Amino acid sequence: MSLDMILGHEAAAAVLSEWPERPYTLKLPNDSPIGRVVNAQAIRGFLDAGCAPSNYVNVFHRGEGLHPARFTADDRVAPASVQLLLDHGCTIQLRELNRWFPPLSAICASIQAETGCPGYVTAFITPPSSQGLDYHWDQYLGIVVQLQGTKTWELFEPKVDAPYRDHLMSTNLWQDDWVGQWQKDGPDQTVELTPGDILMLPRGWVHNPHSRKSVDASVHLTFVLKERVPLWVAERLIGSAINDPRFRAVIPPSMLDPAKVPGTVEDVRSLMIDYLADLDVEEVSRALRRAAQRETSYAAL
């Protein structure tokens, strides 16, 4: 199992050779288990059966999040609240389904083994003629798979260059006048997804998704792939220095005095250069590949 089951063999191979920089659409392969094993009924079933853990469920109404106390009980989403929320036009987000739904866990693990990119899957249920989240951008590549209903994606050119982790997040940089400008100029692309459609959404692209044109509830999955960047490699190169006792030596408090800190920085920089120059590239390369295929958190060394 890999990207093939979402994108098809040719499209998956294209992604591996040239990472997407602009949005585009595809069709779910006919033999994909997504849509059969993982479908809209299964997603809704988690909520109706009271199986959805409250820590992994968010509810949005017109771009604003609802307090969990309004829809949870005993650390689970209360089934009785689900239809009521949808009837009031709320969008329900089931985050990181791969943590608690084995088929999606297997798919994510397979994608990481193939690409070296960890990730997760989130599901969204939006009632017809409604909108949950509005204008924002994400930090990683998203592969959107429409399972039921229709969803309109208004897409806008990135405002920032290569957002990553918590750097250049839309929530931190937001300017209210941007929305007015986007509404005045109109989207750079508009994509209408119907069941079986896929949207490749690169990081940084601003999107305003809604189901205002849908006559049925919209249900979609978003597979998030956390790209590896040079910083990730650099962190592991430096992190491996813990094995060198020179990097575990105590820095006396006196060397952190404002007048002496520049010298301390120079000493450590020289130490880093010396250490990196002597690294066994083959050995480190093997360790990096293992980490790329197995790490699930960027914070792990």
C-alpha atoms as a PDB file:
ATOM      1  CA  MET A   1       0.000   0.000   0.000  1.00  0.00           C
ATOM      2  CA  SER A   2       1.344   3.414  -0.931  1.00  0.00           C
ATOM      3  CA  LEU A   3       0.514   6.592  -2.799  1.00  0.00           C
ATOM      4  CA  ASP A   4      -0.566   4.385  -5.693  1.00  0.00           C
ATOM      5  CA  MET A   5      -3.854   3.526  -3.981  1.00  0.00           C
ATOM      6  CA  ILE A   6      -4.753   7.212  -3.712  1.00  0.00           C
ATOM      7  CA  LEU A   7      -3.264   8.691  -6.877  1.00  0.00           C
ATOM      8  CA  GLY A   8      -2.740   5.761  -9.217  1.00  0.00           C
ATOM      9  CA  HIS A   9       0.653   4.450 -10.313  1.00  0.00           C
ATOM     10  CA  GLU A  10       1.577   7.101 -12.879  1.00  0.00           C
ATOM     11  CA  ALA A  11       0.479  10.082 -10.786  1.00  0.00           C
ATOM     12  CA  ALA A  12       2.226   8.677  -7.693  1.00  0.00           C
ATOM     13  CA  ALA A  13       5.458   8.216  -9.650  1.00  0.00           C
ATOM     14  CA  ALA A  14       5.186  11.801 -10.875  1.00  0.00           C
ATOM     15  CA  VAL A  15       4.857  13.094  -7.311  1.00  0.00           C
ATOM     16  CA  LEU A  16       7.937  11.160  -6.203  1.00  0.00           C
ATOM     17  CA  SER A  17      10.017  12.650  -9.030  1.00  0.00           C
ATOM     18  CA  GLU A  18       8.665  16.211  -8.870  1.00  0.00           C
ATOM     19  CA  TRP A  19       6.954  17.415  -5.686  1.00  0.00           C
ATOM     20  CA  PRO A  20       3.777  19.471  -6.345  1.00  0.00           C
ATOM     21  CA  GLU A  21       4.186  23.240  -6.284  1.00  0.00           C
ATOM     22  CA  ARG A  22       0.786  24.194  -7.699  1.00  0.00           C
ATOM     23  CA  PRO A  23      -2.668  22.693  -7.049  1.00  0.00           C
ATOM     24  CA  TYR A  24      -4.119  20.184  -9.475  1.00  0.00           C
ATOM     25  CA  THR A  25      -6.826  17.517  -9.505  1.00  0.00           C
ATOM     26  CA  LEU A  26      -6.901  13.773 -10.126  1.00  0.00           C
ATOM     27  CA  LYS A  27      -9.357  10.886  -9.937  1.00  0.00           C
ATOM     28  CA  LEU A  28      -9.301   8.170  -7.289  1.00  0.00           C
ATOM     29  CA  PRO A  29      -8.254   4.870  -8.917  1.00  0.00           C
ATOM     30  CA  ASN A  30     -11.100   2.417  -9.467  1.00  0.00           C
ATOM     31  CA  ASP A  31      -9.359  -0.281  -7.417  1.00  0.00           C
ATOM     32  CA  SER A  32      -8.592   1.980  -4.455  1.00  0.00           C
ATOM     33  CA  PRO A  33      -9.766   0.748  -1.026  1.00  0.00           C
ATOM     34  CA  ILE A  34     -10.562   4.362  -0.196  1.00  0.00           C
ATOM     35  CA  GLY A  35     -14.227   4.779  -0.905  1.00  0.00           C
ATOM     36  CA  ARG A  36     -14.874   1.140   0.034  1.00  0.00           C
ATOM     37  CA  VAL A  37     -13.104   0.354   3.305  1.00  0.00           C
ATOM     38  CA  VAL A  38     -12.687   4.022   4.158  1.00  0.00           C
ATOM     39  CA  ASN A  39     -15.897   5.773   3.140  1.00  0.00           C
ATOM     40  CA  ALA A  40     -18.349   8.413   4.302  1.00  0.00           C
ATOM     41  CA  GLN A  41     -20.473   5.860   6.159  1.00  0.00           C
ATOM     42  CA  ALA A  42     -17.473   4.664   8.179  1.00  0.00           C
ATOM     43  CA  ILE A  43     -16.518   8.232   9.088  1.00  0.00           C
ATOM     44  CA  ARG A  44     -20.027   9.096  10.230  1.00  0.00           C
ATOM     45  CA  GLY A  45     -20.214   5.749  12.047  1.00  0.00           C
ATOM     46  CA  PHE A  46     -17.395   6.747  14.416  1.00  0.00           C
ATOM     47  CA  LEU A  47     -19.518   9.674  15.569  1.00  0.00           C
ATOM     48  CA  ASP A  48     -22.872   7.890  15.729  1.00  0.00           C
ATOM     49  CA  ALA A  49     -21.400   4.965  17.686  1.00  0.00           C
ATOM     50  CA  GLY A  50     -19.666   7.224  20.218  1.00  0.00           C
ATOM     51  CA  CYS A  51     -16.248   5.884  19.207  1.00  0.00           C
ATOM     52  CA  ALA A  52     -14.652   9.219  18.319  1.00  0.00           C
ATOM     53  CA  PRO A  53     -12.238  10.396  21.070  1.00  0.00           C
ATOM     54  CA  SER A  54     -12.934  13.990  22.021  1.00  0.00           C
ATOM     55  CA  ASN A  55      -9.243  14.962  21.853  1.00  0.00           C
ATOM     56  CA  TYR A  56      -9.300  14.256  18.137  1.00  0.00           C
ATOM     57  CA  VAL A  57     -12.526  16.002  17.172  1.00  0.00           C
ATOM     58  CA  ASN A  58     -13.032  19.705  16.416  1.00  0.00           C
ATOM     59  CA  VAL A  59     -16.258  21.460  15.497  1.00  0.00           C
ATOM     60  CA  PHE A  60     -16.344  24.696  13.484  1.00  0.00           C
ATOM     61  CA  HIS A  61     -19.112  27.113  12.644  1.00  0.00           C
ATOM     62  CA  ARG A  62     -18.440  29.912  10.163  1.00  0.00           C
ATOM     63  CA  GLY A  63     -14.713  29.741  10.779  1.00  0.00           C
ATOM     64  CA  GLU A  64     -14.907  29.669  14.590  1.00  0.00           C
ATOM     65  CA  GLY A  65     -14.276  26.637  16.808  1.00  0.00           C
ATOM     66  CA  LEU A  66     -16.829  25.413  19.354  1.00  0.00           C
ATOM     67  CA  HIS A  67     -15.855  24.534  22.925  1.00  0.00           C
ATOM     68  CA  PRO A  68     -15.630  20.720  23.332  1.00  0.00           C
ATOM     69  CA  ALA A  69     -18.005  20.817  26.306  1.00  0.00           C
ATOM     70  CA  ARG A  70     -20.804  21.458  23.824  1.00  0.00           C
ATOM     71  CA  PHE A  71     -20.470  18.092  22.111  1.00  0.00           C
ATOM     72  CA  THR A  72     -18.496  15.667  24.321  1.00  0.00           C
ATOM     73  CA  ALA A  73     -19.157  13.382  27.275  1.00  0.00           C
ATOM     74  CA  ASP A  74     -16.813  10.894  28.990  1.00  0.00           C
ATOM     75  CA  ASP A  75     -13.939  11.780  26.627  1.00  0.00           C
ATOM     76  CA  ARG A  76     -16.005  10.876  23.563  1.00  0.00           C
ATOM     77  CA  VAL A  77     -18.170  12.801  21.129  1.00  0.00           C
ATOM     78  CA  ALA A  78     -21.770  12.430  22.292  1.00  0.00           C
ATOM     79  CA  PRO A  79     -23.730  10.724  19.462  1.00  0.00           C
ATOM     80  CA  ALA A  80     -26.873  12.707  20.295  1.00  0.00           C
ATOM     81  CA  SER A  81     -25.054  15.962  19.563  1.00  0.00           C
ATOM     82  CA  VAL A  82     -23.775  15.001  16.113  1.00  0.00           C
ATOM     83  CA  GLN A  83     -26.898  15.501  14.020  1.00  0.00           C
ATOM     84  CA  LEU A  84     -27.829  18.593  16.014  1.00  0.00           C
ATOM     85  CA  LEU A  85     -24.463  20.160  15.180  1.00  0.00           C
ATOM     86  CA  LEU A  86     -24.809  19.296  11.510  1.00  0.00           C
ATOM     87  CA  ASP A  87     -28.369  20.640  11.425  1.00  0.00           C
ATOM     88  CA  HIS A  88     -27.023  23.954  12.720  1.00  0.00           C
ATOM     89  CA  GLY A  89     -24.486  24.136   9.898  1.00  0.00           C
ATOM     90  CA  CYS A  90     -21.403  23.048  11.851  1.00  0.00           C
ATOM     91  CA  THR A  91     -18.443  21.261  10.290  1.00  0.00           C
ATOM     92  CA  ILE A  92     -17.069  18.280  12.215  1.00  0.00           C
ATOM     93  CA  GLN A  93     -13.376  17.508  11.897  1.00  0.00           C
ATOM     94  CA  LEU A  94     -12.001  14.099  12.915  1.00  0.00           C
ATOM     95  CA  ARG A  95      -8.265  14.602  13.290  1.00  0.00           C
ATOM     96  CA  GLU A  96      -5.511  12.026  12.805  1.00  0.00           C
ATOM     97  CA  LEU A  97      -7.799   9.110  12.030  1.00  0.00           C
ATOM     98  CA  ASN A  98      -4.699   6.996  11.429  1.00  0.00           C
ATOM     99  CA  ARG A  99      -4.079   7.006  15.197  1.00  0.00           C
ATOM    100  CA  TRP A 100      -7.275   5.098  15.890  1.00  0.00           C
ATOM    101  CA  PHE A 101      -8.474   3.540  12.611  1.00  0.00           C
ATOM    102  CA  PRO A 102      -6.135   0.666  11.599  1.00  0.00           C
ATOM    103  CA  PRO A 103      -6.733   0.750   7.802  1.00  0.00           C
ATOM    104  CA  LEU A 104      -5.672   4.396   7.647  1.00  0.00           C
ATOM    105  CA  SER A 105      -2.766   3.708   9.976  1.00  0.00           C
ATOM    106  CA  ALA A 106      -1.520   1.075   7.519  1.00  0.00           C
ATOM    107  CA  ILE A 107      -1.911   3.435   4.561  1.00  0.00           C
ATOM    108  CA  CYS A 108       0.010   6.257   6.290  1.00  0.00           C
ATOM    109  CA  ALA A 109       2.795   3.881   7.334  1.00  0.00           C
ATOM    110  CA  SER A 110       3.076   2.635   3.764  1.00  0.00           C
ATOM    111  CA  ILE A 111       3.206   6.154   2.336  1.00  0.00           C
ATOM    112  CA  GLN A 112       5.963   7.078   4.783  1.00  0.00           C
ATOM    113  CA  ALA A 113       7.962   3.980   3.894  1.00  0.00           C
ATOM    114  CA  GLU A 114       7.741   4.971   0.232  1.00  0.00           C
ATOM    115  CA  THR A 115       8.263   8.736   0.476  1.00  0.00           C
ATOM    116  CA  GLY A 116      10.135   9.236   3.743  1.00  0.00           C
ATOM    117  CA  CYS A 117       7.413  11.709   4.744  1.00  0.00           C
ATOM    118  CA  PRO A 118       5.373  11.045   7.889  1.00  0.00           C
ATOM    119  CA  GLY A 119       1.787  12.196   7.908  1.00  0.00           C
ATOM    120  CA  TYR A 120      -1.754  11.795   9.094  1.00  0.00           C
ATOM    121  CA  VAL A 121      -5.333  11.710   7.819  1.00  0.00           C
ATOM    122  CA  THR A 122      -8.118  14.063   8.841  1.00  0.00           C
ATOM    123  CA  ALA A 123     -11.795  13.776   7.894  1.00  0.00           C
ATOM    124  CA  PHE A 124     -14.256  16.654   7.486  1.00  0.00           C
ATOM    125  CA  ILE A 125     -18.057  16.483   7.464  1.00  0.00           C
ATOM    126  CA  THR A 126     -19.732  19.698   6.299  1.00  0.00           C
ATOM    127  CA  PRO A 127     -23.522  20.054   5.933  1.00  0.00           C
ATOM    128  CA  PRO A 128     -24.942  21.241   2.611  1.00  0.00           C
ATOM    129  CA  SER A 129     -25.044  25.002   2.013  1.00  0.00           C
ATOM    130  CA  SER A 130     -22.494  25.506   4.819  1.00  0.00           C
ATOM    131  CA  GLN A 131     -18.884  26.329   5.566  1.00  0.00           C
ATOM    132  CA  GLY A 132     -16.606  25.320   8.407  1.00  0.00           C
ATOM    133  CA  LEU A 133     -13.039  26.598   8.090  1.00  0.00           C
ATOM    134  CA  ASP A 134     -12.470  29.603   5.872  1.00  0.00           C
ATOM    135  CA  TYR A 135      -9.383  31.378   4.489  1.00  0.00           C
ATOM    136  CA  HIS A 136      -6.082  29.884   5.702  1.00  0.00           C
ATOM    137  CA  TRP A 137      -3.004  28.039   4.520  1.00  0.00           C
ATOM    138  CA  ASP A 138      -1.321  24.869   5.746  1.00  0.00           C
ATOM    139  CA  GLN A 139       2.282  23.960   6.518  1.00  0.00           C
ATOM    140  CA  TYR A 140       2.446  20.723   4.516  1.00  0.00           C
ATOM    141  CA  LEU A 141       1.201  19.063   1.340  1.00  0.00           C
ATOM    142  CA  GLY A 142      -2.446  18.019   1.530  1.00  0.00           C
ATOM    143  CA  ILE A 143      -4.072  15.334  -0.624  1.00  0.00           C
ATOM    144  CA  VAL A 144      -7.827  15.910  -0.456  1.00  0.00           C
ATOM    145  CA  VAL A 145     -10.073  12.961  -1.328  1.00  0.00           C
ATOM    146  CA  GLN A 146     -13.786  13.718  -1.760  1.00  0.00           C
ATOM    147  CA  LEU A 147     -15.950  10.839  -0.488  1.00  0.00           C
ATOM    148  CA  GLN A 148     -19.475  12.276  -0.532  1.00  0.00           C
ATOM    149  CA  GLY A 149     -21.259  15.428  -1.650  1.00  0.00           C
ATOM    150  CA  THR A 150     -19.431  18.302  -3.290  1.00  0.00           C
ATOM    151  CA  LYS A 151     -16.969  20.847  -1.993  1.00  0.00           C
ATOM    152  CA  THR A 152     -15.774  24.044  -3.615  1.00  0.00           C
ATOM    153  CA  TRP A 153     -12.170  25.082  -3.061  1.00  0.00           C
ATOM    154  CA  GLU A 154     -11.271  28.700  -3.771  1.00  0.00           C
ATOM    155  CA  LEU A 155      -7.479  28.774  -4.084  1.00  0.00           C
ATOM    156  CA  PHE A 156      -5.104  31.741  -3.894  1.00  0.00           C
ATOM    157  CA  GLU A 157      -1.391  32.124  -4.557  1.00  0.00           C
ATOM    158  CA  PRO A 158       0.785  31.804  -1.416  1.00  0.00           C
ATOM    159  CA  LYS A 159       1.343  34.837   0.786  1.00  0.00           C
ATOM    160  CA  VAL A 160       4.551  33.396   2.295  1.00  0.00           C
ATOM    161  CA  ASP A 161       7.409  31.301   0.994  1.00  0.00           C
ATOM    162  CA  ALA A 162       7.634  27.666   2.150  1.00  0.00           C
ATOM    163  CA  PRO A 163       5.821  27.627   5.516  1.00  0.00           C
ATOM    164  CA  TYR A 164       7.024  24.777   7.719  1.00  0.00           C
ATOM    165  CA  ARG A 165       6.058  23.456  11.173  1.00  0.00           C
ATOM    166  CA  ASP A 166       5.148  26.511  13.260  1.00  0.00           C
ATOM    167  CA  HIS A 167       7.154  28.894  11.059  1.00  0.00           C
ATOM    168  CA  LEU A 168       5.028  31.258   8.924  1.00  0.00           C
ATOM    169  CA  MET A 169       1.694  29.860  10.106  1.00  0.00           C
ATOM    170  CA  SER A 170      -1.394  31.680   8.834  1.00  0.00           C
ATOM    171  CA  THR A 171      -2.750  32.017  12.386  1.00  0.00           C
ATOM    172  CA  ASN A 172       0.392  33.903  13.432  1.00  0.00           C
ATOM    173  CA  LEU A 173       0.684  36.210  10.428  1.00  0.00           C
ATOM    174  CA  TRP A 174      -2.951  36.871   9.617  1.00  0.00           C
ATOM    175  CA  GLN A 175      -3.986  40.299   8.345  1.00  0.00           C
ATOM    176  CA  ASP A 176      -7.714  40.995   8.194  1.00  0.00           C
ATOM    177  CA  ASP A 177      -7.477  43.105   5.042  1.00  0.00           C
ATOM    178  CA  TRP A 178      -6.247  40.069   3.087  1.00  0.00           C
ATOM    179  CA  VAL A 179      -9.747  38.571   2.992  1.00  0.00           C
ATOM    180  CA  GLY A 180     -11.226  41.730   1.511  1.00  0.00           C
ATOM    181  CA  GLN A 181      -8.562  41.759  -1.171  1.00  0.00           C
ATOM    182  CA  TRP A 182      -9.082  38.089  -2.016  1.00  0.00           C
ATOM    183  CA  GLN A 183     -12.822  38.595  -2.246  1.00  0.00           C
ATOM    184  CA  LYS A 184     -12.330  41.632  -4.467  1.00  0.00           C
ATOM    185  CA  ASP A 185      -9.824  39.973  -6.826  1.00  0.00           C
ATOM    186  CA  GLY A 186     -11.367  36.505  -6.795  1.00  0.00           C
ATOM    187  CA  PRO A 187      -9.525  33.186  -6.509  1.00  0.00           C
ATOM    188  CA  ASP A 188      -6.590  32.227  -8.698  1.00  0.00           C
ATOM    189  CA  GLN A 189      -8.196  28.801  -9.085  1.00  0.00           C
ATOM    190  CA  THR A 190     -11.612  27.381  -8.214  1.00  0.00           C
ATOM    191  CA  VAL A 191     -11.972  23.613  -7.908  1.00  0.00           C
ATOM    192  CA  GLU A 192     -15.257  21.771  -7.475  1.00  0.00           C
ATOM    193  CA  LEU A 193     -14.724  18.318  -5.978  1.00  0.00           C
ATOM    194  CA  THR A 194     -17.280  15.533  -6.387  1.00  0.00           C
ATOM    195  CA  PRO A 195     -17.023  11.949  -5.032  1.00  0.00           C
ATOM    196  CA  GLY A 196     -13.852  10.304  -6.293  1.00  0.00           C
ATOM    197  CA  ASP A 197     -12.074  13.589  -7.038  1.00  0.00           C
ATOM    198  CA  ILE A 198      -8.682  14.404  -5.546  1.00  0.00           C
ATOM    199  CA  LEU A 199      -7.084  17.801  -4.968  1.00  0.00           C
ATOM    200  CA  MET A 200      -3.334  18.089  -4.585  1.00  0.00           C
ATOM    201  CA  LEU A 201      -2.843  21.141  -2.373  1.00  0.00           C
ATOM    202  CA  PRO A 202       0.764  22.282  -1.826  1.00  0.00           C
ATOM    203  CA  ARG A 203       1.748  23.968   1.417  1.00  0.00           C
ATOM    204  CA  GLY A 204       1.265  27.699   1.576  1.00  0.00           C
ATOM    205  CA  TRP A 205      -1.613  27.906  -0.904  1.00  0.00           C
ATOM    206  CA  VAL A 206      -4.445  29.884   0.648  1.00  0.00           C
ATOM    207  CA  HIS A 207      -7.775  28.075   0.472  1.00  0.00           C
ATOM    208  CA  ASN A 208     -11.366  28.921   1.272  1.00  0.00           C
ATOM    209  CA  PRO A 209     -13.317  25.627   1.155  1.00  0.00           C
ATOM    210  CA  HIS A 210     -17.103  25.508   1.404  1.00  0.00           C
ATOM    211  CA  SER A 211     -20.121  23.358   0.592  1.00  0.00           C
ATOM    212  CA  ARG A 212     -22.511  26.156  -0.279  1.00  0.00           C
ATOM    213  CA  LYS A 213     -23.317  24.485  -3.617  1.00  0.00           C
ATOM    214  CA  SER A 214     -23.727  20.951  -2.236  1.00  0.00           C
ATOM    215  CA  VAL A 215     -27.171  19.388  -1.824  1.00  0.00           C
ATOM    216  CA  ASP A 216     -25.761  16.594   0.388  1.00  0.00           C
ATOM    217  CA  ALA A 217     -23.364  16.669   3.308  1.00  0.00           C
ATOM    218  CA  SER A 218     -19.776  16.900   2.097  1.00  0.00           C
ATOM    219  CA  VAL A 219     -17.349  14.316   3.476  1.00  0.00           C
ATOM    220  CA  HIS A 220     -13.691  14.349   2.559  1.00  0.00           C
ATOM    221  CA  LEU A 221     -10.354  13.039   3.772  1.00  0.00           C
ATOM    222  CA  THR A 222      -7.173  15.072   3.802  1.00  0.00           C
ATOM    223  CA  PHE A 223      -3.936  13.075   3.760  1.00  0.00           C
ATOM    224  CA  VAL A 224      -1.174  15.327   5.083  1.00  0.00           C
ATOM    225  CA  LEU A 225       2.425  14.586   4.075  1.00  0.00           C
ATOM    226  CA  LYS A 226       5.034  16.327   6.195  1.00  0.00           C
ATOM    227  CA  GLU A 227       7.790  17.064   3.725  1.00  0.00           C
ATOM    228  CA  ARG A 228      11.428  16.669   4.652  1.00  0.00           C
ATOM    229  CA  VAL A 229      13.497  19.829   4.205  1.00  0.00           C
ATOM    230  CA  PRO A 230      17.229  20.602   4.595  1.00  0.00           C
ATOM    231  CA  LEU A 231      16.560  21.787   8.152  1.00  0.00           C
ATOM    232  CA  TRP A 232      15.417  18.278   9.052  1.00  0.00           C
ATOM    233  CA  VAL A 233      18.729  16.826   7.850  1.00  0.00           C
ATOM    234  CA  ALA A 234      20.705  19.554   9.607  1.00  0.00           C
ATOM    235  CA  GLU A 235      18.918  18.899  12.898  1.00  0.00           C
ATOM    236  CA  ARG A 236      19.871  15.244  12.782  1.00  0.00           C
ATOM    237  CA  LEU A 237      23.450  15.977  11.838  1.00  0.00           C
ATOM    238  CA  ILE A 238      23.792  18.283  14.820  1.00  0.00           C
ATOM    239  CA  GLY A 239      21.714  16.003  17.023  1.00  0.00           C
ATOM    240  CA  SER A 240      24.151  13.156  16.440  1.00  0.00           C
ATOM    241  CA  ALA A 241      26.834  15.287  18.113  1.00  0.00           C
ATOM    242  CA  ILE A 242      25.489  14.112  21.477  1.00  0.00           C
ATOM    243  CA  ASN A 243      27.715  11.074  20.969  1.00  0.00           C
ATOM    244  CA  ASP A 244      30.807  13.280  20.999  1.00  0.00           C
ATOM    245  CA  PRO A 245      31.857  14.104  24.610  1.00  0.00           C
ATOM    246  CA  ARG A 246      33.093  17.535  23.514  1.00  0.00           C
ATOM    247  CA  PHE A 247      29.463  18.558  23.024  1.00  0.00           C
ATOM    248  CA  ARG A 248      28.534  17.330  26.502  1.00  0.00           C
ATOM    249  CA  ALA A 249      31.132  19.413  28.307  1.00  0.00           C
ATOM    250  CA  VAL A 250      29.767  22.029  30.707  1.00  0.00           C
ATOM    251  CA  ILE A 251      29.828  25.649  29.601  1.00  0.00           C
ATOM    252  CA  PRO A 252      30.716  27.628  32.757  1.00  0.00           C
ATOM    253  CA  PRO A 253      28.209  30.360  33.633  1.00  0.00           C
ATOM    254  CA  SER A 254      30.997  32.890  33.250  1.00  0.00           C
ATOM    255  CA  MET A 255      31.139  32.055  29.533  1.00  0.00           C
ATOM    256  CA  LEU A 256      27.496  33.105  29.188  1.00  0.00           C
ATOM    257  CA  ASP A 257      28.275  36.585  30.416  1.00  0.00           C
ATOM    258  CA  PRO A 258      27.199  39.132  27.750  1.00  0.00           C
ATOM    259  CA  ALA A 259      30.784  40.091  27.077  1.00  0.00           C
ATOM    260  CA  LYS A 260      31.902  36.478  26.613  1.00  0.00           C
ATOM    261  CA  VAL A 261      28.938  34.969  24.747  1.00  0.00           C
ATOM    262  CA  PRO A 262      30.354  35.912  21.300  1.00  0.00           C
ATOM    263  CA  GLY A 263      33.490  33.930  22.104  1.00  0.00           C
ATOM    264  CA  THR A 264      31.414  30.972  23.283  1.00  0.00           C
ATOM    265  CA  VAL A 265      29.455  31.055  20.026  1.00  0.00           C
ATOM    266  CA  GLU A 266      32.682  31.142  18.019  1.00  0.00           C
ATOM    267  CA  ASP A 267      34.080  28.178  19.972  1.00  0.00           C
ATOM    268  CA  VAL A 268      30.968  26.061  19.460  1.00  0.00           C
ATOM    269  CA  ARG A 269      30.727  26.981  15.798  1.00  0.00           C
ATOM    270  CA  SER A 270      34.332  25.864  15.290  1.00  0.00           C
ATOM    271  CA  LEU A 271      33.561  22.669  17.165  1.00  0.00           C
ATOM    272  CA  MET A 272      30.542  22.036  14.920  1.00  0.00           C
ATOM    273  CA  ILE A 273      32.567  22.594  11.756  1.00  0.00           C
ATOM    274  CA  ASP A 274      35.251  20.206  12.998  1.00  0.00           C
ATOM    275  CA  TYR A 275      32.676  17.585  13.973  1.00  0.00           C
ATOM    276  CA  LEU A 276      30.708  17.763  10.709  1.00  0.00           C
ATOM    277  CA  ALA A 277      33.880  17.576   8.610  1.00  0.00           C
ATOM    278  CA  ASP A 278      34.738  14.195  10.145  1.00  0.00           C
ATOM    279  CA  LEU A 279      31.272  12.606   9.908  1.00  0.00           C
ATOM    280  CA  ASP A 280      30.967   9.232   8.233  1.00  0.00           C
ATOM    281  CA  VAL A 281      28.563  10.225   5.445  1.00  0.00           C
ATOM    282  CA  GLU A 282      27.577   6.637   4.603  1.00  0.00           C
ATOM    283  CA  GLU A 283      26.759   5.796   8.200  1.00  0.00           C
ATOM    284  CA  VAL A 284      24.772   8.987   8.702  1.00  0.00           C
ATOM    285  CA  SER A 285      22.937   8.428   5.424  1.00  0.00           C
ATOM    286  CA  ARG A 286      21.733   5.025   6.570  1.00  0.00           C
ATOM    287  CA  ALA A 287      20.553   6.476   9.873  1.00  0.00           C
ATOM    288  CA  LEU A 288      18.742   9.314   8.088  1.00  0.00           C
ATOM    289  CA  ARG A 289      16.921   6.904   5.795  1.00  0.00           C
ATOM    290  CA  ARG A 290      15.787   4.804   8.751  1.00  0.00           C
ATOM    291  CA  ALA A 291      14.600   7.934  10.522  1.00  0.00           C
ATOM    292  CA  ALA A 292      12.736   9.177   7.437  1.00  0.00           C
ATOM    293  CA  GLN A 293      10.829   5.909   7.190  1.00  0.00           C
ATOM    294  CA  ARG A 294      10.028   5.512  10.891  1.00  0.00           C
ATOM    295  CA  GLU A 295       9.888   8.887  12.629  1.00  0.00           C
ATOM    296  CA  THR A 296       6.383  10.198  13.235  1.00  0.00           C
ATOM    297  CA  SER A 297       7.336  13.448  14.952  1.00  0.00           C
ATOM    298  CA  TYR A 298       9.759  16.112  13.799  1.00  0.00           C
ATOM    299  CA  ALA A 299      10.812  16.604  17.436  1.00  0.00           C
ATOM    300  CA  ALA A 300      12.396  13.125  17.620  1.00  0.00           C
ATOM    301  CA  LEU A 301      16.139  12.729  17.070  1.00  0.00           C
END
